[in-house]
Amino acid sequence: MKNQFKVIDLTVYLARNKQEEKKKTDKVREKVVSKKINQQRRQLIAKVKIAQKELGINDADYRVLLDVNFGVSSCTELDDHGLVRLIAFLRSKGWKDRSVHVLDRHGRPTTLMHGGSHPTAPVMRKIEALLSELGKVKGKYVPWDYAASILKRQTGCNCLDATDVKSLCDVVAALNYTLKSARRKAECKTK
């Protein structure tokens, strides 16, 4: 009977050790992911501060800008999406980001370049498909700037990465309308 308790104690001991090892590896993995996310966040905040300095915005005006446009008193109160929107806002005010290109050489937004886990990625892929189809109908390349200009006319913001899904859906509707119109014109030319 004593041997039976020893076996049970040993299995319980091994199970506990396995659980503790799993917890340790989970904590290490969590720290690595958290460190990467924190690093990206720090980079976004640094960009905001650089933009503030290069645009010559003093601290009082900067705080008013944040309060009026984003409802916060510090950029650290914004989430990552809010920081991206703030950077896009500062770009629209004339700041040139020299550290990283927001668009690749074909003008493709970063939302699509990083795997597509962003909530706006499906709509962005739809916009990409519509631009491609529009280019085929017109017989020439239609750049992403075309979609950005539609967005600017509709919302005032010309950064596809820094907008919400609803605004992007409005761009999809406008592109659909343009595509139908281009198809009708192409049919009239062939007749």
N, C-alpha and C. Protein backbone atom coordinates (compact mmCIF):
# COMPACT_ATOMS: atom_id res chain seq x y z
N MET A 1 0.81 -1.19 0.00
CA MET A 1 0.00 0.00 0.00
C MET A 1 0.86 1.26 0.00
N LYS A 2 1.98 1.22 0.71
CA LYS A 2 2.87 2.36 0.73
C LYS A 2 3.43 2.62 -0.66
N ASN A 3 3.72 1.56 -1.40
CA ASN A 3 4.23 1.72 -2.76
C ASN A 3 3.21 2.39 -3.67
N GLN A 4 1.95 2.04 -3.44
CA GLN A 4 0.88 2.63 -4.25
C GLN A 4 0.82 4.14 -4.03
N PHE A 5 0.94 4.60 -2.77
CA PHE A 5 0.94 6.03 -2.49
C PHE A 5 2.17 6.72 -3.07
N LYS A 6 3.30 6.01 -3.09
CA LYS A 6 4.51 6.57 -3.65
C LYS A 6 4.36 6.80 -5.16
N VAL A 7 3.69 5.86 -5.84
CA VAL A 7 3.46 5.99 -7.27
C VAL A 7 2.53 7.17 -7.55
N ILE A 8 1.48 7.27 -6.76
CA ILE A 8 0.53 8.37 -6.93
C ILE A 8 1.22 9.70 -6.65
N ASP A 9 2.01 9.75 -5.56
CA ASP A 9 2.74 10.96 -5.25
C ASP A 9 3.71 11.34 -6.37
N LEU A 10 4.36 10.34 -6.94
CA LEU A 10 5.30 10.59 -8.02
C LEU A 10 4.59 11.14 -9.26
N THR A 11 3.43 10.56 -9.61
CA THR A 11 2.69 11.07 -10.78
C THR A 11 2.17 12.48 -10.54
N VAL A 12 1.72 12.75 -9.31
CA VAL A 12 1.26 14.10 -8.98
C VAL A 12 2.43 15.07 -9.06
N TYR A 13 3.58 14.64 -8.54
CA TYR A 13 4.79 15.47 -8.58
C TYR A 13 5.20 15.77 -10.03
N LEU A 14 5.18 14.75 -10.88
CA LEU A 14 5.56 14.95 -12.28
C LEU A 14 4.56 15.86 -13.01
N ALA A 15 3.28 15.68 -12.72
CA ALA A 15 2.26 16.52 -13.34
C ALA A 15 2.44 17.98 -12.92
N ARG A 16 2.72 18.20 -11.63
CA ARG A 16 2.94 19.57 -11.16
C ARG A 16 4.17 20.19 -11.82
N ASN A 17 5.24 19.39 -11.93
CA ASN A 17 6.45 19.89 -12.58
C ASN A 17 6.16 20.27 -14.03
N LYS A 18 5.39 19.43 -14.71
CA LYS A 18 5.05 19.71 -16.11
C LYS A 18 4.25 21.01 -16.22
N GLN A 19 3.29 21.20 -15.30
CA GLN A 19 2.49 22.43 -15.31
C GLN A 19 3.37 23.66 -15.03
N GLU A 20 4.30 23.52 -14.08
CA GLU A 20 5.19 24.64 -13.76
C GLU A 20 6.09 24.98 -14.94
N GLU A 21 6.60 23.95 -15.62
CA GLU A 21 7.44 24.18 -16.81
C GLU A 21 6.65 24.90 -17.89
N LYS A 22 5.39 24.47 -18.08
CA LYS A 22 4.54 25.11 -19.09
C LYS A 22 4.29 26.57 -18.74
N LYS A 23 4.05 26.84 -17.46
CA LYS A 23 3.84 28.22 -17.02
C LYS A 23 5.08 29.06 -17.28
N LYS A 24 6.26 28.50 -17.01
CA LYS A 24 7.51 29.24 -17.23
C LYS A 24 7.70 29.55 -18.71
N THR A 25 7.47 28.57 -19.58
CA THR A 25 7.64 28.81 -21.02
C THR A 25 6.59 29.80 -21.52
N ASP A 26 5.37 29.72 -20.98
CA ASP A 26 4.33 30.68 -21.37
C ASP A 26 4.73 32.09 -20.95
N LYS A 27 5.30 32.23 -19.74
CA LYS A 27 5.73 33.55 -19.27
C LYS A 27 6.84 34.10 -20.15
N VAL A 28 7.79 33.24 -20.53
CA VAL A 28 8.89 33.68 -21.39
C VAL A 28 8.35 34.12 -22.74
N ARG A 29 7.43 33.33 -23.32
CA ARG A 29 6.84 33.66 -24.61
C ARG A 29 6.06 34.97 -24.51
N GLU A 30 5.32 35.14 -23.41
CA GLU A 30 4.55 36.36 -23.19
C GLU A 30 5.47 37.58 -23.11
N LYS A 31 6.61 37.43 -22.41
CA LYS A 31 7.55 38.53 -22.29
C LYS A 31 8.12 38.92 -23.64
N VAL A 32 8.43 37.93 -24.48
CA VAL A 32 8.99 38.22 -25.80
C VAL A 32 7.98 38.98 -26.65
N VAL A 33 6.74 38.49 -26.67
CA VAL A 33 5.69 39.15 -27.45
C VAL A 33 5.43 40.56 -26.90
N SER A 34 5.34 40.66 -25.58
CA SER A 34 5.09 41.95 -24.95
C SER A 34 6.22 42.92 -25.24
N LYS A 35 7.46 42.43 -25.21
CA LYS A 35 8.61 43.29 -25.49
C LYS A 35 8.57 43.81 -26.92
N LYS A 36 8.18 42.94 -27.87
CA LYS A 36 8.09 43.35 -29.28
C LYS A 36 7.00 44.39 -29.47
N ILE A 37 5.84 44.16 -28.83
CA ILE A 37 4.73 45.11 -28.94
C ILE A 37 5.12 46.44 -28.31
N ASN A 38 5.77 46.39 -27.14
CA ASN A 38 6.20 47.63 -26.48
C ASN A 38 7.21 48.38 -27.32
N GLN A 39 8.10 47.65 -28.00
CA GLN A 39 9.09 48.30 -28.85
C GLN A 39 8.41 49.01 -30.02
N GLN A 40 7.43 48.37 -30.64
CA GLN A 40 6.70 49.00 -31.74
C GLN A 40 5.96 50.24 -31.26
N ARG A 41 5.36 50.14 -30.08
CA ARG A 41 4.64 51.27 -29.50
C ARG A 41 5.59 52.43 -29.22
N ARG A 42 6.76 52.13 -28.66
CA ARG A 42 7.74 53.17 -28.39
C ARG A 42 8.20 53.85 -29.68
N GLN A 43 8.32 53.06 -30.75
CA GLN A 43 8.71 53.64 -32.03
C GLN A 43 7.64 54.60 -32.55
N LEU A 44 6.37 54.22 -32.41
CA LEU A 44 5.29 55.10 -32.85
C LEU A 44 5.28 56.40 -32.04
N ILE A 45 5.46 56.28 -30.72
CA ILE A 45 5.49 57.48 -29.87
C ILE A 45 6.68 58.35 -30.22
N ALA A 46 7.82 57.73 -30.51
CA ALA A 46 9.01 58.50 -30.91
C ALA A 46 8.75 59.26 -32.20
N LYS A 47 8.05 58.63 -33.15
CA LYS A 47 7.71 59.31 -34.41
C LYS A 47 6.85 60.54 -34.14
N VAL A 48 5.89 60.40 -33.22
CA VAL A 48 5.02 61.52 -32.88
C VAL A 48 5.86 62.67 -32.32
N LYS A 49 6.77 62.35 -31.42
CA LYS A 49 7.60 63.39 -30.80
C LYS A 49 8.52 64.05 -31.83
N ILE A 50 9.06 63.25 -32.75
CA ILE A 50 9.91 63.81 -33.81
C ILE A 50 9.09 64.75 -34.69
N ALA A 51 7.88 64.31 -35.04
CA ALA A 51 7.00 65.14 -35.87
C ALA A 51 6.66 66.44 -35.16
N GLN A 52 6.39 66.34 -33.87
CA GLN A 52 6.08 67.55 -33.09
C GLN A 52 7.25 68.53 -33.15
N LYS A 53 8.45 68.01 -32.98
CA LYS A 53 9.63 68.87 -32.99
C LYS A 53 9.88 69.46 -34.38
N GLU A 54 9.78 68.64 -35.43
CA GLU A 54 10.06 69.11 -36.78
C GLU A 54 9.00 70.09 -37.28
N LEU A 55 7.76 69.94 -36.83
CA LEU A 55 6.72 70.88 -37.22
C LEU A 55 6.74 72.16 -36.37
N GLY A 56 7.54 72.13 -35.30
CA GLY A 56 7.66 73.32 -34.45
C GLY A 56 6.44 73.56 -33.58
N ILE A 57 5.78 72.51 -33.16
CA ILE A 57 4.59 72.63 -32.32
C ILE A 57 5.04 72.66 -30.86
N ASN A 58 4.71 73.75 -30.14
CA ASN A 58 5.08 73.79 -28.72
C ASN A 58 4.19 72.87 -27.91
N ASP A 59 4.56 72.64 -26.66
CA ASP A 59 3.87 71.63 -25.86
C ASP A 59 2.41 71.99 -25.60
N ALA A 60 2.13 73.25 -25.35
CA ALA A 60 0.74 73.66 -25.09
C ALA A 60 -0.15 73.43 -26.32
N ASP A 61 0.35 73.84 -27.48
CA ASP A 61 -0.42 73.64 -28.72
C ASP A 61 -0.59 72.15 -29.03
N TYR A 62 0.45 71.38 -28.73
CA TYR A 62 0.40 69.94 -28.96
C TYR A 62 -0.70 69.29 -28.11
N ARG A 63 -0.79 69.71 -26.85
CA ARG A 63 -1.81 69.16 -25.96
C ARG A 63 -3.22 69.54 -26.43
N VAL A 64 -3.37 70.77 -26.92
CA VAL A 64 -4.67 71.21 -27.45
C VAL A 64 -5.02 70.39 -28.69
N LEU A 65 -4.03 70.18 -29.57
CA LEU A 65 -4.23 69.38 -30.78
C LEU A 65 -4.71 67.97 -30.42
N LEU A 66 -4.06 67.36 -29.42
CA LEU A 66 -4.47 66.01 -29.00
C LEU A 66 -5.87 66.01 -28.41
N ASP A 67 -6.17 67.02 -27.59
CA ASP A 67 -7.47 67.07 -26.95
C ASP A 67 -8.59 67.28 -27.95
N VAL A 68 -8.39 68.20 -28.90
CA VAL A 68 -9.43 68.51 -29.88
C VAL A 68 -9.65 67.36 -30.86
N ASN A 69 -8.57 66.79 -31.39
CA ASN A 69 -8.69 65.80 -32.45
C ASN A 69 -8.81 64.35 -31.96
N PHE A 70 -8.26 64.06 -30.77
CA PHE A 70 -8.24 62.67 -30.33
C PHE A 70 -8.84 62.45 -28.94
N GLY A 71 -9.16 63.52 -28.23
CA GLY A 71 -9.80 63.40 -26.92
C GLY A 71 -8.89 62.92 -25.82
N VAL A 72 -7.59 63.09 -25.96
CA VAL A 72 -6.64 62.69 -24.93
C VAL A 72 -5.70 63.85 -24.66
N SER A 73 -4.97 63.77 -23.54
CA SER A 73 -4.03 64.84 -23.22
C SER A 73 -2.59 64.45 -23.51
N SER A 74 -2.36 63.17 -23.79
CA SER A 74 -1.01 62.69 -24.08
C SER A 74 -1.10 61.58 -25.12
N CYS A 75 -0.09 61.49 -25.97
CA CYS A 75 -0.14 60.45 -27.00
C CYS A 75 0.02 59.05 -26.40
N THR A 76 0.54 58.96 -25.18
CA THR A 76 0.67 57.65 -24.54
C THR A 76 -0.68 57.07 -24.14
N GLU A 77 -1.72 57.90 -24.09
CA GLU A 77 -3.06 57.42 -23.78
C GLU A 77 -3.74 56.79 -24.99
N LEU A 78 -3.18 56.99 -26.18
CA LEU A 78 -3.75 56.42 -27.40
C LEU A 78 -3.33 54.97 -27.56
N ASP A 79 -4.19 54.16 -28.17
CA ASP A 79 -3.79 52.80 -28.52
C ASP A 79 -2.96 52.86 -29.81
N ASP A 80 -2.50 51.70 -30.28
CA ASP A 80 -1.62 51.68 -31.45
C ASP A 80 -2.31 52.26 -32.68
N HIS A 81 -3.58 51.92 -32.88
CA HIS A 81 -4.32 52.45 -34.03
C HIS A 81 -4.45 53.97 -33.93
N GLY A 82 -4.69 54.46 -32.72
CA GLY A 82 -4.77 55.90 -32.51
C GLY A 82 -3.45 56.60 -32.80
N LEU A 83 -2.34 55.95 -32.43
CA LEU A 83 -1.03 56.52 -32.73
C LEU A 83 -0.78 56.59 -34.23
N VAL A 84 -1.21 55.56 -34.96
CA VAL A 84 -1.06 55.57 -36.41
C VAL A 84 -1.89 56.70 -37.01
N ARG A 85 -3.11 56.88 -36.50
CA ARG A 85 -3.96 57.97 -36.97
C ARG A 85 -3.33 59.34 -36.67
N LEU A 86 -2.72 59.46 -35.48
CA LEU A 86 -2.06 60.71 -35.11
C LEU A 86 -0.89 61.00 -36.04
N ILE A 87 -0.11 59.98 -36.36
CA ILE A 87 1.02 60.15 -37.27
C ILE A 87 0.51 60.56 -38.66
N ALA A 88 -0.58 59.94 -39.10
CA ALA A 88 -1.16 60.31 -40.39
C ALA A 88 -1.65 61.77 -40.36
N PHE A 89 -2.22 62.17 -39.25
CA PHE A 89 -2.68 63.55 -39.10
C PHE A 89 -1.49 64.52 -39.19
N LEU A 90 -0.40 64.17 -38.51
CA LEU A 90 0.79 65.03 -38.54
C LEU A 90 1.40 65.06 -39.94
N ARG A 91 1.31 63.95 -40.68
CA ARG A 91 1.77 63.95 -42.07
C ARG A 91 0.93 64.90 -42.91
N SER A 92 -0.38 64.90 -42.66
CA SER A 92 -1.26 65.78 -43.43
C SER A 92 -0.97 67.25 -43.14
N LYS A 93 -0.34 67.53 -42.01
CA LYS A 93 0.03 68.90 -41.66
C LYS A 93 1.40 69.29 -42.20
N GLY A 94 2.02 68.35 -42.95
CA GLY A 94 3.27 68.71 -43.62
C GLY A 94 4.51 67.98 -43.13
N TRP A 95 4.37 67.11 -42.15
CA TRP A 95 5.55 66.40 -41.65
C TRP A 95 5.95 65.30 -42.62
N LYS A 96 7.24 65.20 -42.91
CA LYS A 96 7.78 64.16 -43.78
C LYS A 96 8.46 63.11 -42.92
N ASP A 97 7.95 61.90 -42.94
CA ASP A 97 8.54 60.79 -42.18
C ASP A 97 9.71 60.23 -42.97
N ARG A 98 10.91 60.43 -42.47
CA ARG A 98 12.10 59.98 -43.18
C ARG A 98 12.57 58.60 -42.74
N SER A 99 12.03 58.08 -41.65
CA SER A 99 12.54 56.83 -41.09
C SER A 99 12.03 55.60 -41.83
N VAL A 100 10.75 55.57 -42.15
CA VAL A 100 10.16 54.38 -42.77
C VAL A 100 9.21 54.81 -43.87
N HIS A 101 9.22 54.10 -44.97
CA HIS A 101 8.26 54.36 -46.03
C HIS A 101 6.95 53.69 -45.67
N VAL A 102 5.87 54.45 -45.65
CA VAL A 102 4.57 53.90 -45.32
C VAL A 102 4.08 52.99 -46.43
N LEU A 103 4.44 53.29 -47.65
CA LEU A 103 3.98 52.51 -48.79
C LEU A 103 5.18 51.84 -49.45
N ASP A 104 4.96 50.69 -50.04
CA ASP A 104 6.05 50.06 -50.78
C ASP A 104 6.16 50.73 -52.15
N ARG A 105 7.01 50.21 -53.03
CA ARG A 105 7.28 50.90 -54.29
C ARG A 105 6.07 50.94 -55.22
N HIS A 106 5.07 50.12 -54.97
CA HIS A 106 3.86 50.15 -55.79
C HIS A 106 2.71 50.90 -55.11
N GLY A 107 2.99 51.45 -53.94
CA GLY A 107 1.96 52.21 -53.25
C GLY A 107 1.03 51.37 -52.40
N ARG A 108 1.40 50.12 -52.16
CA ARG A 108 0.54 49.22 -51.38
C ARG A 108 0.61 49.58 -49.90
N PRO A 109 -0.53 49.72 -49.22
CA PRO A 109 -0.52 50.09 -47.80
C PRO A 109 0.16 49.02 -46.94
N THR A 110 0.69 49.46 -45.80
CA THR A 110 1.39 48.55 -44.90
C THR A 110 0.45 47.53 -44.30
N THR A 111 -0.83 47.82 -44.22
CA THR A 111 -1.81 46.88 -43.68
C THR A 111 -1.75 45.56 -44.45
N LEU A 112 -1.55 45.61 -45.75
CA LEU A 112 -1.50 44.40 -46.55
C LEU A 112 -0.11 43.78 -46.57
N MET A 113 0.91 44.56 -46.27
CA MET A 113 2.26 44.03 -46.33
C MET A 113 2.60 43.19 -45.11
N HIS A 114 1.89 43.36 -44.01
CA HIS A 114 2.24 42.67 -42.77
C HIS A 114 1.35 41.47 -42.49
N GLY A 115 0.89 40.77 -43.47
CA GLY A 115 0.20 39.52 -43.26
C GLY A 115 -1.31 39.57 -43.30
N GLY A 116 -1.92 40.69 -43.04
CA GLY A 116 -3.36 40.78 -43.17
C GLY A 116 -4.13 40.43 -41.92
N SER A 117 -3.52 40.55 -40.72
CA SER A 117 -4.26 40.27 -39.50
C SER A 117 -4.99 41.51 -38.99
N HIS A 118 -4.79 42.62 -39.63
CA HIS A 118 -5.44 43.87 -39.24
C HIS A 118 -6.92 43.81 -39.61
N PRO A 119 -7.80 44.43 -38.82
CA PRO A 119 -9.25 44.38 -39.11
C PRO A 119 -9.63 44.95 -40.47
N THR A 120 -8.83 45.86 -41.00
CA THR A 120 -9.16 46.47 -42.29
C THR A 120 -8.60 45.68 -43.47
N ALA A 121 -7.84 44.64 -43.21
CA ALA A 121 -7.16 43.90 -44.28
C ALA A 121 -8.12 43.32 -45.33
N PRO A 122 -9.27 42.71 -44.94
CA PRO A 122 -10.16 42.19 -46.00
C PRO A 122 -10.69 43.28 -46.94
N VAL A 123 -11.00 44.44 -46.38
CA VAL A 123 -11.50 45.53 -47.21
C VAL A 123 -10.37 46.06 -48.10
N MET A 124 -9.16 46.10 -47.55
CA MET A 124 -8.00 46.55 -48.34
C MET A 124 -7.76 45.60 -49.52
N ARG A 125 -7.92 44.30 -49.29
CA ARG A 125 -7.74 43.33 -50.38
C ARG A 125 -8.81 43.54 -51.45
N LYS A 126 -10.03 43.89 -51.03
CA LYS A 126 -11.10 44.18 -51.97
C LYS A 126 -10.77 45.42 -52.80
N ILE A 127 -10.24 46.45 -52.13
CA ILE A 127 -9.83 47.66 -52.85
C ILE A 127 -8.73 47.33 -53.85
N GLU A 128 -7.78 46.49 -53.44
CA GLU A 128 -6.69 46.09 -54.33
C GLU A 128 -7.24 45.37 -55.57
N ALA A 129 -8.21 44.48 -55.35
CA ALA A 129 -8.81 43.76 -56.47
C ALA A 129 -9.56 44.70 -57.41
N LEU A 130 -10.29 45.66 -56.83
CA LEU A 130 -11.02 46.62 -57.66
C LEU A 130 -10.08 47.52 -58.46
N LEU A 131 -8.99 47.93 -57.84
CA LEU A 131 -8.01 48.74 -58.57
C LEU A 131 -7.39 47.95 -59.71
N SER A 132 -7.13 46.67 -59.47
CA SER A 132 -6.57 45.82 -60.51
C SER A 132 -7.56 45.65 -61.67
N GLU A 133 -8.81 45.40 -61.33
CA GLU A 133 -9.85 45.22 -62.35
C GLU A 133 -10.07 46.52 -63.13
N LEU A 134 -10.04 47.63 -62.42
CA LEU A 134 -10.20 48.93 -63.08
C LEU A 134 -9.04 49.18 -64.05
N GLY A 135 -7.85 48.76 -63.64
CA GLY A 135 -6.69 48.90 -64.52
C GLY A 135 -6.82 48.06 -65.77
N LYS A 136 -7.38 46.85 -65.64
CA LYS A 136 -7.58 45.99 -66.81
C LYS A 136 -8.60 46.61 -67.77
N VAL A 137 -9.67 47.16 -67.22
CA VAL A 137 -10.71 47.75 -68.06
C VAL A 137 -10.18 49.00 -68.77
N LYS A 138 -9.43 49.82 -68.04
CA LYS A 138 -8.91 51.05 -68.64
C LYS A 138 -7.68 50.81 -69.50
N GLY A 139 -7.04 49.66 -69.31
CA GLY A 139 -5.86 49.35 -70.09
C GLY A 139 -4.59 50.00 -69.59
N LYS A 140 -4.60 50.45 -68.33
CA LYS A 140 -3.40 51.04 -67.74
C LYS A 140 -3.43 50.81 -66.24
N TYR A 141 -2.26 50.94 -65.62
CA TYR A 141 -2.10 50.72 -64.19
C TYR A 141 -2.84 51.79 -63.40
N VAL A 142 -3.63 51.38 -62.42
CA VAL A 142 -4.31 52.32 -61.53
C VAL A 142 -3.65 52.21 -60.15
N PRO A 143 -2.97 53.25 -59.69
CA PRO A 143 -2.22 53.17 -58.44
C PRO A 143 -3.11 53.25 -57.20
N TRP A 144 -2.52 52.92 -56.06
CA TRP A 144 -3.22 53.02 -54.79
C TRP A 144 -3.56 54.47 -54.48
N ASP A 145 -2.82 55.39 -55.04
CA ASP A 145 -3.11 56.80 -54.80
C ASP A 145 -4.51 57.18 -55.28
N TYR A 146 -5.02 56.44 -56.26
CA TYR A 146 -6.38 56.69 -56.75
C TYR A 146 -7.39 56.44 -55.62
N ALA A 147 -7.22 55.31 -54.92
CA ALA A 147 -8.10 55.01 -53.79
C ALA A 147 -7.89 56.01 -52.65
N ALA A 148 -6.64 56.41 -52.44
CA ALA A 148 -6.35 57.39 -51.38
C ALA A 148 -7.01 58.74 -51.69
N SER A 149 -7.04 59.10 -52.98
CA SER A 149 -7.67 60.37 -53.34
C SER A 149 -9.19 60.30 -53.16
N ILE A 150 -9.78 59.14 -53.43
CA ILE A 150 -11.22 58.96 -53.17
C ILE A 150 -11.49 59.13 -51.68
N LEU A 151 -10.65 58.50 -50.85
CA LEU A 151 -10.80 58.60 -49.40
C LEU A 151 -10.67 60.05 -48.94
N LYS A 152 -9.72 60.77 -49.52
CA LYS A 152 -9.51 62.17 -49.13
C LYS A 152 -10.74 63.01 -49.49
N ARG A 153 -11.33 62.76 -50.66
CA ARG A 153 -12.54 63.51 -51.04
C ARG A 153 -13.69 63.20 -50.10
N GLN A 154 -13.78 61.95 -49.63
CA GLN A 154 -14.91 61.56 -48.79
C GLN A 154 -14.74 61.95 -47.33
N THR A 155 -13.51 61.80 -46.80
CA THR A 155 -13.32 62.00 -45.36
C THR A 155 -12.34 63.10 -44.99
N GLY A 156 -11.50 63.49 -45.92
CA GLY A 156 -10.48 64.49 -45.60
C GLY A 156 -9.14 63.86 -45.23
N CYS A 157 -9.13 62.57 -44.96
CA CYS A 157 -7.90 61.86 -44.63
C CYS A 157 -7.43 61.10 -45.86
N ASN A 158 -6.14 61.19 -46.18
CA ASN A 158 -5.68 60.51 -47.39
C ASN A 158 -4.82 59.29 -47.09
N CYS A 159 -4.80 58.83 -45.85
CA CYS A 159 -4.01 57.66 -45.46
C CYS A 159 -4.93 56.45 -45.29
N LEU A 160 -4.80 55.49 -46.18
CA LEU A 160 -5.66 54.31 -46.12
C LEU A 160 -5.40 53.48 -44.86
N ASP A 161 -4.15 53.48 -44.37
CA ASP A 161 -3.81 52.71 -43.18
C ASP A 161 -4.45 53.28 -41.91
N ALA A 162 -4.71 54.56 -41.89
CA ALA A 162 -5.15 55.21 -40.66
C ALA A 162 -6.65 55.45 -40.61
N THR A 163 -7.40 54.76 -41.43
CA THR A 163 -8.84 54.98 -41.44
C THR A 163 -9.58 53.74 -40.96
N ASP A 164 -10.87 53.88 -40.76
CA ASP A 164 -11.67 52.78 -40.24
C ASP A 164 -12.31 51.98 -41.37
N VAL A 165 -12.94 50.87 -41.00
CA VAL A 165 -13.53 49.96 -41.98
C VAL A 165 -14.67 50.62 -42.74
N LYS A 166 -15.49 51.42 -42.06
CA LYS A 166 -16.63 52.05 -42.72
C LYS A 166 -16.17 52.98 -43.85
N SER A 167 -15.14 53.77 -43.58
CA SER A 167 -14.63 54.68 -44.60
C SER A 167 -14.06 53.90 -45.78
N LEU A 168 -13.39 52.79 -45.48
CA LEU A 168 -12.85 51.95 -46.56
C LEU A 168 -13.98 51.32 -47.37
N CYS A 169 -15.08 50.96 -46.72
CA CYS A 169 -16.23 50.40 -47.45
C CYS A 169 -16.83 51.45 -48.39
N ASP A 170 -16.79 52.71 -47.96
CA ASP A 170 -17.25 53.79 -48.84
C ASP A 170 -16.35 53.92 -50.07
N VAL A 171 -15.04 53.71 -49.87
CA VAL A 171 -14.10 53.73 -51.00
C VAL A 171 -14.41 52.58 -51.94
N VAL A 172 -14.73 51.40 -51.38
CA VAL A 172 -15.09 50.24 -52.20
C VAL A 172 -16.32 50.56 -53.04
N ALA A 173 -17.32 51.20 -52.44
CA ALA A 173 -18.53 51.56 -53.18
C ALA A 173 -18.20 52.51 -54.33
N ALA A 174 -17.36 53.50 -54.06
CA ALA A 174 -16.98 54.46 -55.11
C ALA A 174 -16.20 53.76 -56.22
N LEU A 175 -15.31 52.84 -55.86
CA LEU A 175 -14.56 52.11 -56.88
C LEU A 175 -15.47 51.21 -57.71
N ASN A 176 -16.45 50.59 -57.06
CA ASN A 176 -17.43 49.77 -57.81
C ASN A 176 -18.17 50.62 -58.83
N TYR A 177 -18.59 51.81 -58.41
CA TYR A 177 -19.30 52.71 -59.31
C TYR A 177 -18.40 53.11 -60.49
N THR A 178 -17.14 53.45 -60.19
CA THR A 178 -16.18 53.83 -61.23
C THR A 178 -15.92 52.67 -62.18
N LEU A 179 -15.83 51.47 -61.63
CA LEU A 179 -15.58 50.29 -62.45
C LEU A 179 -16.76 50.02 -63.39
N LYS A 180 -17.98 50.12 -62.88
CA LYS A 180 -19.16 49.93 -63.74
C LYS A 180 -19.19 50.97 -64.85
N SER A 181 -18.88 52.21 -64.52
CA SER A 181 -18.87 53.27 -65.51
C SER A 181 -17.80 53.01 -66.57
N ALA A 182 -16.62 52.58 -66.13
CA ALA A 182 -15.53 52.29 -67.08
C ALA A 182 -15.90 51.12 -67.98
N ARG A 183 -16.59 50.12 -67.44
CA ARG A 183 -17.02 48.98 -68.27
C ARG A 183 -18.03 49.42 -69.32
N ARG A 184 -18.97 50.30 -68.93
CA ARG A 184 -19.96 50.80 -69.90
C ARG A 184 -19.28 51.59 -71.01
N LYS A 185 -18.31 52.40 -70.64
CA LYS A 185 -17.58 53.18 -71.66
C LYS A 185 -16.80 52.25 -72.59
N ALA A 186 -16.21 51.20 -72.02
CA ALA A 186 -15.45 50.25 -72.84
C ALA A 186 -16.37 49.49 -73.80
N GLU A 187 -17.59 49.16 -73.34
CA GLU A 187 -18.57 48.48 -74.21
C GLU A 187 -19.02 49.39 -75.34
N CYS A 188 -19.21 50.67 -75.04
CA CYS A 188 -19.64 51.63 -76.08
C CYS A 188 -18.57 51.80 -77.14
N LYS A 189 -17.30 51.73 -76.74
CA LYS A 189 -16.20 51.88 -77.71
C LYS A 189 -16.10 50.67 -78.62
N THR A 190 -16.44 49.50 -78.13
CA THR A 190 -16.34 48.28 -78.96
C THR A 190 -17.51 48.16 -79.91
N LYS A 191 -18.61 48.82 -79.65
CA LYS A 191 -19.80 48.69 -80.52
C LYS A 191 -19.70 49.55 -81.71
